[in-house]
Amino acid sequence: TRNYADSVKGRFTISRDLAKNTGYLQMNNLK
């Protein structure tokens, strides 16, 4: 389950790779 701050909704995406124990934050349309 994902949760985002209102200020980044639609621009940022959180994800993770459980096999690698690595998470990511893709940030688009940065301000």
PDB file of all heavy atoms in Angstrom:
ATOM      1  N   THR A   1       0.840  -1.204   0.000  1.00  0.00           N
ATOM      2  CA  THR A   1       0.000   0.000   0.000  1.00  0.00           C
ATOM      3  C   THR A   1       0.870   1.246   0.000  1.00  0.00           C
ATOM      4  O   THR A   1       1.772   1.376   0.809  1.00  0.00           O
ATOM      5  CB  THR A   1      -0.914   0.013   1.222  1.00  0.00           C
ATOM      6  OG1 THR A   1      -1.762  -1.129   1.195  1.00  0.00           O
ATOM      7  CG2 THR A   1      -1.778   1.277   1.227  1.00  0.00           C
ATOM      8  N   ARG A   2       0.548   2.148  -0.920  1.00  0.00           N
ATOM      9  CA  ARG A   2       1.328   3.365  -1.078  1.00  0.00           C
ATOM     10  C   ARG A   2       0.576   4.574  -0.531  1.00  0.00           C
ATOM     11  O   ARG A   2      -0.643   4.643  -0.599  1.00  0.00           O
ATOM     12  CB  ARG A   2       1.667   3.590  -2.554  1.00  0.00           C
ATOM     13  CG  ARG A   2       2.565   2.532  -3.150  1.00  0.00           C
ATOM     14  CD  ARG A   2       2.590   2.616  -4.668  1.00  0.00           C
ATOM     15  NE  ARG A   2       3.590   1.748  -5.264  1.00  0.00           N
ATOM     16  CZ  ARG A   2       3.425   0.456  -5.494  1.00  0.00           C
ATOM     17  NH1 ARG A   2       2.282  -0.125  -5.173  1.00  0.00           N
ATOM     18  NH2 ARG A   2       4.402  -0.262  -6.046  1.00  0.00           N
ATOM     19  N   ASN A   3       1.352   5.522  -0.040  1.00  0.00           N
ATOM     20  CA  ASN A   3       0.792   6.759   0.482  1.00  0.00           C
ATOM     21  C   ASN A   3       1.677   7.898   0.035  1.00  0.00           C
ATOM     22  O   ASN A   3       2.905   7.775   0.039  1.00  0.00           O
ATOM     23  CB  ASN A   3       0.728   6.697   2.013  1.00  0.00           C
ATOM     24  CG  ASN A   3       0.132   7.950   2.603  1.00  0.00           C
ATOM     25  OD1 ASN A   3      -0.941   8.382   2.204  1.00  0.00           O
ATOM     26  ND2 ASN A   3       0.834   8.546   3.548  1.00  0.00           N
ATOM     27  N   TYR A   4       1.062   9.005  -0.371  1.00  0.00           N
ATOM     28  CA  TYR A   4       1.827  10.148  -0.870  1.00  0.00           C
ATOM     29  C   TYR A   4       1.378  11.444  -0.205  1.00  0.00           C
ATOM     30  O   TYR A   4       0.202  11.621   0.107  1.00  0.00           O
ATOM     31  CB  TYR A   4       1.635  10.305  -2.381  1.00  0.00           C
ATOM     32  CG  TYR A   4       2.156   9.158  -3.202  1.00  0.00           C
ATOM     33  CD1 TYR A   4       1.310   8.127  -3.594  1.00  0.00           C
ATOM     34  CD2 TYR A   4       3.494   9.110  -3.603  1.00  0.00           C
ATOM     35  CE1 TYR A   4       1.780   7.066  -4.350  1.00  0.00           C
ATOM     36  CE2 TYR A   4       3.973   8.059  -4.371  1.00  0.00           C
ATOM     37  CZ  TYR A   4       3.116   7.043  -4.741  1.00  0.00           C
ATOM     38  OH  TYR A   4       3.584   5.989  -5.494  1.00  0.00           O
ATOM     39  N   ALA A   5       2.320  12.349  -0.054  1.00  0.00           N
ATOM     40  CA  ALA A   5       1.963  13.701   0.351  1.00  0.00           C
ATOM     41  C   ALA A   5       1.203  14.362  -0.803  1.00  0.00           C
ATOM     42  O   ALA A   5       1.481  14.091  -1.974  1.00  0.00           O
ATOM     43  CB  ALA A   5       3.214  14.498   0.672  1.00  0.00           C
ATOM     44  N   ASP A   6       0.276  15.225  -0.466  1.00  0.00           N
ATOM     45  CA  ASP A   6      -0.522  15.886  -1.501  1.00  0.00           C
ATOM     46  C   ASP A   6       0.361  16.647  -2.489  1.00  0.00           C
ATOM     47  O   ASP A   6       0.059  16.730  -3.682  1.00  0.00           O
ATOM     48  CB  ASP A   6      -1.525  16.845  -0.866  1.00  0.00           C
ATOM     49  CG  ASP A   6      -2.663  16.112  -0.174  1.00  0.00           C
ATOM     50  OD1 ASP A   6      -2.871  14.914  -0.451  1.00  0.00           O
ATOM     51  OD2 ASP A   6      -3.346  16.745   0.662  1.00  0.00           O
ATOM     52  N   SER A   7       1.452  17.196  -1.995  1.00  0.00           N
ATOM     53  CA  SER A   7       2.316  18.038  -2.831  1.00  0.00           C
ATOM     54  C   SER A   7       3.037  17.256  -3.922  1.00  0.00           C
ATOM     55  O   SER A   7       3.545  17.859  -4.875  1.00  0.00           O
ATOM     56  CB  SER A   7       3.333  18.771  -1.963  1.00  0.00           C
ATOM     57  OG  SER A   7       4.125  17.840  -1.244  1.00  0.00           O
ATOM     58  N   VAL A   8       3.083  15.917  -3.805  1.00  0.00           N
ATOM     59  CA  VAL A   8       3.830  15.133  -4.794  1.00  0.00           C
ATOM     60  C   VAL A   8       2.942  14.149  -5.555  1.00  0.00           C
ATOM     61  O   VAL A   8       3.416  13.475  -6.477  1.00  0.00           O
ATOM     62  CB  VAL A   8       5.003  14.370  -4.142  1.00  0.00           C
ATOM     63  CG1 VAL A   8       5.898  15.325  -3.368  1.00  0.00           C
ATOM     64  CG2 VAL A   8       4.509  13.240  -3.251  1.00  0.00           C
ATOM     65  N   LYS A   9       1.670  14.076  -5.199  1.00  0.00           N
ATOM     66  CA  LYS A   9       0.764  13.147  -5.885  1.00  0.00           C
ATOM     67  C   LYS A   9       0.729  13.448  -7.374  1.00  0.00           C
ATOM     68  O   LYS A   9       0.626  14.597  -7.782  1.00  0.00           O
ATOM     69  CB  LYS A   9      -0.641  13.253  -5.289  1.00  0.00           C
ATOM     70  CG  LYS A   9      -0.804  12.532  -3.966  1.00  0.00           C
ATOM     71  CD  LYS A   9      -2.230  12.660  -3.437  1.00  0.00           C
ATOM     72  CE  LYS A   9      -2.383  11.950  -2.104  1.00  0.00           C
ATOM     73  NZ  LYS A   9      -3.739  12.132  -1.530  1.00  0.00           N
ATOM     74  N   GLY A  10       0.830  12.387  -8.156  1.00  0.00           N
ATOM     75  CA  GLY A  10       0.802  12.538  -9.602  1.00  0.00           C
ATOM     76  C   GLY A  10       2.165  12.827 -10.203  1.00  0.00           C
ATOM     77  O   GLY A  10       2.324  12.792 -11.427  1.00  0.00           O
ATOM     78  N   ARG A  11       3.138  13.139  -9.360  1.00  0.00           N
ATOM     79  CA  ARG A  11       4.489  13.439  -9.864  1.00  0.00           C
ATOM     80  C   ARG A  11       5.527  12.419  -9.384  1.00  0.00           C
ATOM     81  O   ARG A  11       6.459  12.105 -10.111  1.00  0.00           O
ATOM     82  CB  ARG A  11       4.920  14.839  -9.411  1.00  0.00           C
ATOM     83  CG  ARG A  11       4.017  15.951  -9.907  1.00  0.00           C
ATOM     84  CD  ARG A  11       4.630  17.322  -9.603  1.00  0.00           C
ATOM     85  NE  ARG A  11       4.793  17.558  -8.170  1.00  0.00           N
ATOM     86  CZ  ARG A  11       5.961  17.841  -7.595  1.00  0.00           C
ATOM     87  NH1 ARG A  11       7.059  17.911  -8.321  1.00  0.00           N
ATOM     88  NH2 ARG A  11       6.020  18.053  -6.288  1.00  0.00           N
ATOM     89  N   PHE A  12       5.362  11.928  -8.159  1.00  0.00           N
ATOM     90  CA  PHE A  12       6.307  10.982  -7.571  1.00  0.00           C
ATOM     91  C   PHE A  12       5.678   9.599  -7.497  1.00  0.00           C
ATOM     92  O   PHE A  12       4.468   9.467  -7.267  1.00  0.00           O
ATOM     93  CB  PHE A  12       6.696  11.415  -6.155  1.00  0.00           C
ATOM     94  CG  PHE A  12       7.538  12.655  -6.070  1.00  0.00           C
ATOM     95  CD1 PHE A  12       7.737  13.490  -7.158  1.00  0.00           C
ATOM     96  CD2 PHE A  12       8.142  12.987  -4.862  1.00  0.00           C
ATOM     97  CE1 PHE A  12       8.506  14.631  -7.066  1.00  0.00           C
ATOM     98  CE2 PHE A  12       8.927  14.117  -4.747  1.00  0.00           C
ATOM     99  CZ  PHE A  12       9.099  14.948  -5.844  1.00  0.00           C
ATOM    100  N   THR A  13       6.521   8.581  -7.634  1.00  0.00           N
ATOM    101  CA  THR A  13       6.072   7.202  -7.502  1.00  0.00           C
ATOM    102  C   THR A  13       7.056   6.428  -6.643  1.00  0.00           C
ATOM    103  O   THR A  13       8.260   6.440  -6.924  1.00  0.00           O
ATOM    104  CB  THR A  13       5.958   6.523  -8.873  1.00  0.00           C
ATOM    105  OG1 THR A  13       5.049   7.264  -9.708  1.00  0.00           O
ATOM    106  CG2 THR A  13       5.442   5.096  -8.730  1.00  0.00           C
ATOM    107  N   ILE A  14       6.530   5.776  -5.616  1.00  0.00           N
ATOM    108  CA  ILE A  14       7.366   4.947  -4.759  1.00  0.00           C
ATOM    109  C   ILE A  14       7.193   3.496  -5.177  1.00  0.00           C
ATOM    110  O   ILE A  14       6.084   3.058  -5.512  1.00  0.00           O
ATOM    111  CB  ILE A  14       7.018   5.152  -3.267  1.00  0.00           C
ATOM    112  CG1 ILE A  14       8.043   4.464  -2.373  1.00  0.00           C
ATOM    113  CG2 ILE A  14       5.602   4.675  -2.953  1.00  0.00           C
ATOM    114  CD1 ILE A  14       7.910   4.818  -0.888  1.00  0.00           C
ATOM    115  N   SER A  15       8.295   2.771  -5.161  1.00  0.00           N
ATOM    116  CA  SER A  15       8.246   1.357  -5.511  1.00  0.00           C
ATOM    117  C   SER A  15       9.376   0.637  -4.783  1.00  0.00           C
ATOM    118  O   SER A  15      10.223   1.283  -4.148  1.00  0.00           O
ATOM    119  CB  SER A  15       8.379   1.161  -7.027  1.00  0.00           C
ATOM    120  OG  SER A  15       9.643   1.631  -7.476  1.00  0.00           O
ATOM    121  N   ARG A  16       9.380  -0.681  -4.904  1.00  0.00           N
ATOM    122  CA  ARG A  16      10.471  -1.412  -4.286  1.00  0.00           C
ATOM    123  C   ARG A  16      10.640  -2.759  -4.961  1.00  0.00           C
ATOM    124  O   ARG A  16       9.709  -3.299  -5.556  1.00  0.00           O
ATOM    125  CB  ARG A  16      10.240  -1.594  -2.791  1.00  0.00           C
ATOM    126  CG  ARG A  16       9.062  -2.466  -2.439  1.00  0.00           C
ATOM    127  CD  ARG A  16       8.876  -2.545  -0.950  1.00  0.00           C
ATOM    128  NE  ARG A  16       7.739  -3.386  -0.610  1.00  0.00           N
ATOM    129  CZ  ARG A  16       7.300  -3.590   0.607  1.00  0.00           C
ATOM    130  NH1 ARG A  16       7.912  -3.019   1.633  1.00  0.00           N
ATOM    131  NH2 ARG A  16       6.273  -4.362   0.833  1.00  0.00           N
ATOM    132  N   ASP A  17      11.829  -3.262  -4.835  1.00  0.00           N
ATOM    133  CA  ASP A  17      12.192  -4.581  -5.329  1.00  0.00           C
ATOM    134  C   ASP A  17      12.536  -5.421  -4.104  1.00  0.00           C
ATOM    135  O   ASP A  17      13.617  -5.274  -3.525  1.00  0.00           O
ATOM    136  CB  ASP A  17      13.382  -4.457  -6.291  1.00  0.00           C
ATOM    137  CG  ASP A  17      13.761  -5.778  -6.931  1.00  0.00           C
ATOM    138  OD1 ASP A  17      13.502  -6.833  -6.314  1.00  0.00           O
ATOM    139  OD2 ASP A  17      14.321  -5.761  -8.026  1.00  0.00           O
ATOM    140  N   LEU A  18      11.613  -6.288  -3.700  1.00  0.00           N
ATOM    141  CA  LEU A  18      11.816  -7.058  -2.487  1.00  0.00           C
ATOM    142  C   LEU A  18      13.015  -7.989  -2.593  1.00  0.00           C
ATOM    143  O   LEU A  18      13.708  -8.230  -1.600  1.00  0.00           O
ATOM    144  CB  LEU A  18      10.557  -7.859  -2.148  1.00  0.00           C
ATOM    145  CG  LEU A  18       9.338  -7.037  -1.711  1.00  0.00           C
ATOM    146  CD1 LEU A  18       8.144  -7.939  -1.487  1.00  0.00           C
ATOM    147  CD2 LEU A  18       9.653  -6.237  -0.457  1.00  0.00           C
ATOM    148  N   ALA A  19      13.258  -8.504  -3.769  1.00  0.00           N
ATOM    149  CA  ALA A  19      14.383  -9.423  -3.945  1.00  0.00           C
ATOM    150  C   ALA A  19      15.714  -8.723  -3.695  1.00  0.00           C
ATOM    151  O   ALA A  19      16.676  -9.336  -3.242  1.00  0.00           O
ATOM    152  CB  ALA A  19      14.357 -10.008  -5.349  1.00  0.00           C
ATOM    153  N   LYS A  20      15.748  -7.427  -3.995  1.00  0.00           N
ATOM    154  CA  LYS A  20      16.979  -6.668  -3.822  1.00  0.00           C
ATOM    155  C   LYS A  20      16.970  -5.843  -2.536  1.00  0.00           C
ATOM    156  O   LYS A  20      17.962  -5.169  -2.246  1.00  0.00           O
ATOM    157  CB  LYS A  20      17.180  -5.722  -5.012  1.00  0.00           C
ATOM    158  CG  LYS A  20      17.387  -6.428  -6.340  1.00  0.00           C
ATOM    159  CD  LYS A  20      17.592  -5.414  -7.457  1.00  0.00           C
ATOM    160  CE  LYS A  20      17.821  -6.106  -8.784  1.00  0.00           C
ATOM    161  NZ  LYS A  20      18.009  -5.121  -9.889  1.00  0.00           N
ATOM    162  N   ASN A  21      15.851  -5.882  -1.803  1.00  0.00           N
ATOM    163  CA  ASN A  21      15.712  -5.020  -0.615  1.00  0.00           C
ATOM    164  C   ASN A  21      16.044  -3.573  -0.946  1.00  0.00           C
ATOM    165  O   ASN A  21      16.738  -2.876  -0.186  1.00  0.00           O
ATOM    166  CB  ASN A  21      16.581  -5.518   0.534  1.00  0.00           C
ATOM    167  CG  ASN A  21      15.952  -6.684   1.256  1.00  0.00           C
ATOM    168  OD1 ASN A  21      14.746  -6.875   1.214  1.00  0.00           O
ATOM    169  ND2 ASN A  21      16.761  -7.471   1.922  1.00  0.00           N
ATOM    170  N   THR A  22      15.555  -3.140  -2.058  1.00  0.00           N
ATOM    171  CA  THR A  22      15.827  -1.781  -2.524  1.00  0.00           C
ATOM    172  C   THR A  22      14.519  -1.097  -2.880  1.00  0.00           C
ATOM    173  O   THR A  22      13.659  -1.700  -3.514  1.00  0.00           O
ATOM    174  CB  THR A  22      16.752  -1.791  -3.749  1.00  0.00           C
ATOM    175  OG1 THR A  22      17.990  -2.401  -3.377  1.00  0.00           O
ATOM    176  CG2 THR A  22      17.027  -0.382  -4.230  1.00  0.00           C
ATOM    177  N   GLY A  23      14.403   0.138  -2.445  1.00  0.00           N
ATOM    178  CA  GLY A  23      13.235   0.924  -2.782  1.00  0.00           C
ATOM    179  C   GLY A  23      13.623   2.092  -3.667  1.00  0.00           C
ATOM    180  O   GLY A  23      14.802   2.473  -3.739  1.00  0.00           O
ATOM    181  N   TYR A  24      12.631   2.646  -4.344  1.00  0.00           N
ATOM    182  CA  TYR A  24      12.895   3.721  -5.284  1.00  0.00           C
ATOM    183  C   TYR A  24      11.862   4.826  -5.117  1.00  0.00           C
ATOM    184  O   TYR A  24      10.725   4.581  -4.715  1.00  0.00           O
ATOM    185  CB  TYR A  24      12.837   3.193  -6.723  1.00  0.00           C
ATOM    186  CG  TYR A  24      13.735   2.016  -6.968  1.00  0.00           C
ATOM    187  CD1 TYR A  24      13.247   0.716  -6.891  1.00  0.00           C
ATOM    188  CD2 TYR A  24      15.086   2.206  -7.247  1.00  0.00           C
ATOM    189  CE1 TYR A  24      14.073  -0.372  -7.099  1.00  0.00           C
ATOM    190  CE2 TYR A  24      15.923   1.117  -7.459  1.00  0.00           C
ATOM    191  CZ  TYR A  24      15.411  -0.165  -7.379  1.00  0.00           C
ATOM    192  OH  TYR A  24      16.243  -1.236  -7.581  1.00  0.00           O
ATOM    193  N   LEU A  25      12.283   6.016  -5.434  1.00  0.00           N
ATOM    194  CA  LEU A  25      11.365   7.137  -5.497  1.00  0.00           C
ATOM    195  C   LEU A  25      11.601   7.816  -6.838  1.00  0.00           C
ATOM    196  O   LEU A  25      12.616   8.490  -7.033  1.00  0.00           O
ATOM    197  CB  LEU A  25      11.585   8.122  -4.351  1.00  0.00           C
ATOM    198  CG  LEU A  25      10.586   9.276  -4.286  1.00  0.00           C
ATOM    199  CD1 LEU A  25       9.188   8.735  -3.937  1.00  0.00           C
ATOM    200  CD2 LEU A  25      11.011  10.326  -3.274  1.00  0.00           C
ATOM    201  N   GLN A  26      10.696   7.584  -7.767  1.00  0.00           N
ATOM    202  CA  GLN A  26      10.766   8.215  -9.072  1.00  0.00           C
ATOM    203  C   GLN A  26      10.108   9.579  -8.972  1.00  0.00           C
ATOM    204  O   GLN A  26       8.936   9.681  -8.618  1.00  0.00           O
ATOM    205  CB  GLN A  26      10.053   7.365 -10.124  1.00  0.00           C
ATOM    206  CG  GLN A  26      10.025   7.986 -11.511  1.00  0.00           C
ATOM    207  CD  GLN A  26      11.403   8.079 -12.131  1.00  0.00           C
ATOM    208  OE1 GLN A  26      12.184   7.135 -12.059  1.00  0.00           O
ATOM    209  NE2 GLN A  26      11.711   9.227 -12.748  1.00  0.00           N
ATOM    210  N   MET A  27      10.859  10.598  -9.296  1.00  0.00           N
ATOM    211  CA  MET A  27      10.374  11.969  -9.152  1.00  0.00           C
ATOM    212  C   MET A  27      10.348  12.631 -10.521  1.00  0.00           C
ATOM    213  O   MET A  27      11.403  12.796 -11.146  1.00  0.00           O
ATOM    214  CB  MET A  27      11.267  12.757  -8.200  1.00  0.00           C
ATOM    215  CG  MET A  27      11.441  12.083  -6.838  1.00  0.00           C
ATOM    216  SD  MET A  27      12.365  13.079  -5.657  1.00  0.00           S
ATOM    217  CE  MET A  27      13.972  13.132  -6.442  1.00  0.00           C
ATOM    218  N   ASN A  28       9.160  12.966 -10.980  1.00  0.00           N
ATOM    219  CA  ASN A  28       8.992  13.608 -12.287  1.00  0.00           C
ATOM    220  C   ASN A  28       8.449  15.024 -12.110  1.00  0.00           C
ATOM    221  O   ASN A  28       7.905  15.372 -11.059  1.00  0.00           O
ATOM    222  CB  ASN A  28       8.031  12.792 -13.147  1.00  0.00           C
ATOM    223  CG  ASN A  28       8.546  11.398 -13.437  1.00  0.00           C
ATOM    224  OD1 ASN A  28       9.752  11.163 -13.541  1.00  0.00           O
ATOM    225  ND2 ASN A  28       7.620  10.455 -13.579  1.00  0.00           N
ATOM    226  N   ASN A  29       8.606  15.807 -13.151  1.00  0.00           N
ATOM    227  CA  ASN A  29       8.109  17.188 -13.143  1.00  0.00           C
ATOM    228  C   ASN A  29       8.540  17.911 -11.855  1.00  0.00           C
ATOM    229  O   ASN A  29       7.725  18.508 -11.153  1.00  0.00           O
ATOM    230  CB  ASN A  29       6.583  17.212 -13.279  1.00  0.00           C
ATOM    231  CG  ASN A  29       6.026  18.599 -13.506  1.00  0.00           C
ATOM    232  OD1 ASN A  29       6.740  19.506 -13.942  1.00  0.00           O
ATOM    233  ND2 ASN A  29       4.755  18.787 -13.183  1.00  0.00           N
ATOM    234  N   LEU A  30       9.817  17.849 -11.590  1.00  0.00           N
ATOM    235  CA  LEU A  30      10.333  18.432 -10.351  1.00  0.00           C
ATOM    236  C   LEU A  30      10.186  19.941 -10.344  1.00  0.00           C
ATOM    237  O   LEU A  30      10.303  20.615 -11.384  1.00  0.00           O
ATOM    238  CB  LEU A  30      11.789  18.029 -10.161  1.00  0.00           C
ATOM    239  CG  LEU A  30      11.971  16.589  -9.663  1.00  0.00           C
ATOM    240  CD1 LEU A  30      13.377  16.086  -9.943  1.00  0.00           C
ATOM    241  CD2 LEU A  30      11.655  16.516  -8.179  1.00  0.00           C
ATOM    242  N   LYS A  31       9.946  20.457  -9.149  1.00  0.00           N
ATOM    243  CA  LYS A  31       9.761  21.889  -8.946  1.00  0.00           C
ATOM    244  C   LYS A  31      10.810  22.388  -7.965  1.00  0.00           C
ATOM    245  O   LYS A  31      11.382  21.603  -7.190  1.00  0.00           O
ATOM    246  CB  LYS A  31       8.363  22.156  -8.392  1.00  0.00           C
ATOM    247  CG  LYS A  31       7.233  21.587  -9.234  1.00  0.00           C
ATOM    248  CD  LYS A  31       5.886  21.806  -8.561  1.00  0.00           C
ATOM    249  CE  LYS A  31       4.751  21.217  -9.403  1.00  0.00           C
ATOM    250  NZ  LYS A  31       3.425  21.413  -8.750  1.00  0.00           N
TER     251      LYS A  31
END
